[in-house]
């Protein structure tokens, strides 16, 4: 009986605490990952309005659905929503594109078209408009769920932030 009193009760060991800590960190990582890779439950129109309200419409004007075909080789009828703004100045590379694909299989095709457009524009402006090439190199591309967003502009980061906040 004496020996039983000498045995002290210990709390959870270091290993047990470490296991719970690692478990909590893994769960937190998964939650953050799901938030950043998920799309949005908002309609395309609401996201489009939020992005449009952040745009500098002195330099950018809305392009009709034919512009998507002309600039990117994509048919707007194939997607759930398309918004394209472009500069009307011939010496400007400024563009803002927002597309909502109908299914995940379309996303790679759209990304490839965007990359091809950027590379073609770099080739067009290389050598005589270095500031425009720099804008193209600093283009902000974001894919969130079924949405693809591209901004080529001096305020590209602000436009991308407006897109992210609208989701």
Protein backbone atom coordinates (compact mmCIF):
# COMPACT_ATOMS: atom_id res chain seq x y z
CA UNK A 1 0.00 0.00 0.00
CA UNK A 2 2.84 2.37 0.73
CA UNK A 3 4.25 1.96 -2.71
CA UNK A 4 0.96 2.91 -4.30
CA UNK A 5 1.05 6.31 -2.59
CA UNK A 6 4.55 7.03 -3.89
CA UNK A 7 3.44 6.62 -7.52
CA UNK A 8 2.42 10.01 -8.76
CA UNK A 9 -0.14 10.54 -11.47
CA UNK A 10 1.37 12.19 -14.49
CA UNK A 11 -0.44 14.25 -17.05
CA UNK A 12 -0.24 13.49 -20.71
CA UNK A 13 3.30 12.89 -21.86
CA UNK A 14 5.26 15.02 -24.26
CA UNK A 15 4.64 12.53 -27.05
CA UNK A 16 0.87 12.68 -26.61
CA UNK A 17 0.88 16.51 -26.64
CA UNK A 18 3.08 16.51 -29.75
CA UNK A 19 0.70 14.11 -31.51
CA UNK A 20 -2.29 16.37 -30.81
CA UNK A 21 -0.35 19.43 -31.92
CA UNK A 22 0.61 17.77 -35.22
CA UNK A 23 -3.00 16.65 -35.73
CA UNK A 24 -4.29 20.21 -35.20
CA UNK A 25 -1.67 21.60 -37.61
CA UNK A 26 -2.64 19.08 -40.30
CA UNK A 27 -6.33 19.94 -39.94
CA UNK A 28 -5.54 23.69 -40.09
CA UNK A 29 -3.44 23.15 -43.23
CA UNK A 30 -6.24 21.21 -44.93
CA UNK A 31 -8.78 23.92 -44.09
CA UNK A 32 -6.52 26.68 -45.46
CA UNK A 33 -5.80 24.62 -48.57
CA UNK A 34 -9.50 24.05 -49.22
CA UNK A 35 -10.27 27.75 -48.81
CA UNK A 36 -7.59 28.84 -51.26
CA UNK A 37 -8.29 26.22 -53.92
CA UNK A 38 -12.04 26.35 -53.75
CA UNK A 39 -14.13 28.44 -56.04
CA UNK A 40 -17.06 30.50 -55.01
CA UNK A 41 -20.74 30.04 -54.47
CA UNK A 42 -21.38 33.56 -55.74
CA UNK A 43 -22.77 34.08 -59.22
CA UNK A 44 -20.49 35.12 -62.06
CA UNK A 45 -22.38 38.42 -62.31
CA UNK A 46 -21.57 39.39 -58.71
CA UNK A 47 -17.89 38.55 -59.11
CA UNK A 48 -17.80 40.39 -62.44
CA UNK A 49 -19.34 43.50 -60.84
CA UNK A 50 -16.83 43.46 -58.00
CA UNK A 51 -13.89 43.17 -60.41
CA UNK A 52 -15.32 45.80 -62.79
CA UNK A 53 -15.72 48.29 -59.97
CA UNK A 54 -11.96 48.09 -59.29
CA UNK A 55 -10.88 48.64 -62.92
CA UNK A 56 -9.40 51.81 -64.34
CA UNK A 57 -11.97 52.36 -67.08
CA UNK A 58 -10.05 55.31 -68.52
CA UNK A 59 -7.47 52.89 -69.87
CA UNK A 60 -9.62 49.77 -70.20
CA UNK A 61 -12.85 49.28 -72.13
CA UNK A 62 -15.12 46.26 -72.22
CA UNK A 63 -14.59 44.01 -75.22
CA UNK A 64 -17.49 42.17 -76.82
CA UNK A 65 -17.69 38.38 -76.97
CA UNK A 66 -15.90 38.36 -80.33
CA UNK A 67 -12.81 39.75 -78.60
CA UNK A 68 -12.32 36.53 -76.67
CA UNK A 69 -12.22 34.62 -79.95
CA UNK A 70 -9.96 37.20 -81.62
CA UNK A 71 -7.46 37.54 -78.75
CA UNK A 72 -7.50 34.09 -77.15
CA UNK A 73 -9.05 31.76 -79.72
CA UNK A 74 -11.79 30.84 -77.23
CA UNK A 75 -15.55 30.76 -77.84
CA UNK A 76 -17.44 32.59 -75.07
CA UNK A 77 -20.48 30.33 -75.50
CA UNK A 78 -18.40 27.42 -74.15
CA UNK A 79 -18.15 29.03 -70.69
CA UNK A 80 -20.51 29.99 -67.86
CA UNK A 81 -19.25 33.57 -67.90
CA UNK A 82 -16.71 35.78 -69.63
CA UNK A 83 -15.53 39.30 -68.93
CA UNK A 84 -12.79 40.90 -71.01
CA UNK A 85 -11.45 44.43 -70.76
CA UNK A 86 -8.64 45.67 -72.98
CA UNK A 87 -6.86 48.90 -73.76
CA UNK A 88 -7.89 50.48 -77.06
CA UNK A 89 -4.39 51.94 -77.47
CA UNK A 90 -2.37 49.98 -79.99
CA UNK A 91 0.81 50.38 -77.96
CA UNK A 92 -0.68 48.96 -74.76
CA UNK A 93 -0.79 45.39 -73.50
CA UNK A 94 -3.31 46.13 -70.73
CA UNK A 95 -6.02 43.47 -70.39
CA UNK A 96 -8.21 42.02 -67.68
CA UNK A 97 -9.89 38.66 -68.26
CA UNK A 98 -12.32 36.73 -66.07
CA UNK A 99 -13.68 33.36 -67.17
CA UNK A 100 -15.86 30.84 -65.37
CA UNK A 101 -15.49 27.41 -66.96
CA UNK A 102 -18.37 24.94 -67.05
CA UNK A 103 -16.21 22.01 -65.98
CA UNK A 104 -12.72 21.39 -64.66
CA UNK A 105 -11.63 19.82 -67.94
CA UNK A 106 -11.84 23.20 -69.67
CA UNK A 107 -9.46 24.95 -67.29
CA UNK A 108 -6.23 23.64 -68.81
CA UNK A 109 -7.37 24.65 -72.30
CA UNK A 110 -8.11 28.19 -71.05
CA UNK A 111 -4.78 28.39 -69.20
CA UNK A 112 -2.93 27.31 -72.33
CA UNK A 113 -4.73 29.98 -74.39
CA UNK A 114 -3.84 32.64 -71.82
CA UNK A 115 -0.17 31.59 -71.76
CA UNK A 116 -0.06 31.60 -75.55
CA UNK A 117 -1.59 35.11 -75.62
CA UNK A 118 1.00 36.41 -73.15
CA UNK A 119 3.90 34.89 -75.07
CA UNK A 120 2.60 36.25 -78.41
CA UNK A 121 2.24 39.73 -76.90
CA UNK A 122 5.77 39.56 -75.48
CA UNK A 123 7.08 38.71 -78.94
CA UNK A 124 5.06 41.57 -80.47
CA UNK A 125 6.42 44.21 -78.07
CA UNK A 126 9.92 42.90 -77.45
CA UNK A 127 12.63 45.26 -78.64
CA UNK A 128 10.63 48.48 -78.89
CA UNK A 129 8.29 48.66 -75.89
CA UNK A 130 10.17 47.31 -72.84
CA UNK A 131 7.64 48.77 -70.37
CA UNK A 132 4.86 46.75 -72.03
CA UNK A 133 6.98 43.58 -71.94
CA UNK A 134 7.54 44.21 -68.24
CA UNK A 135 3.75 44.41 -67.69
CA UNK A 136 3.37 41.08 -69.49
CA UNK A 137 6.07 39.49 -67.34
CA UNK A 138 4.31 40.75 -64.20
CA UNK A 139 0.88 39.53 -65.32
CA UNK A 140 -1.29 38.33 -62.45
CA UNK A 141 -2.91 34.96 -63.16
CA UNK A 142 -5.15 33.29 -60.61
CA UNK A 143 -7.21 30.12 -60.80
CA UNK A 144 -9.74 29.58 -58.05
CA UNK A 145 -12.16 26.70 -58.50
CA UNK A 146 -13.89 27.24 -61.84
CA UNK A 147 -12.67 30.83 -62.19
CA UNK A 148 -9.63 32.03 -64.10
CA UNK A 149 -8.52 35.63 -63.66
CA UNK A 150 -5.80 37.43 -65.62
CA UNK A 151 -4.66 41.03 -65.20
CA UNK A 152 -2.00 42.68 -67.32
CA UNK A 153 -1.85 46.26 -66.09
CA UNK A 154 0.10 48.60 -63.83
CA UNK A 155 -2.56 47.93 -61.16
CA UNK A 156 -2.66 44.17 -61.82
CA UNK A 157 -2.11 43.21 -58.18
CA UNK A 158 -4.96 45.45 -57.01
CA UNK A 159 -7.25 43.91 -59.65
CA UNK A 160 -6.24 40.42 -58.54
CA UNK A 161 -6.96 41.35 -54.91
CA UNK A 162 -10.41 42.63 -55.93
CA UNK A 163 -11.03 39.30 -57.65
CA UNK A 164 -9.89 37.29 -54.61
CA UNK A 165 -12.05 39.35 -52.24
CA UNK A 166 -15.10 38.95 -54.48
CA UNK A 167 -15.11 35.15 -54.17
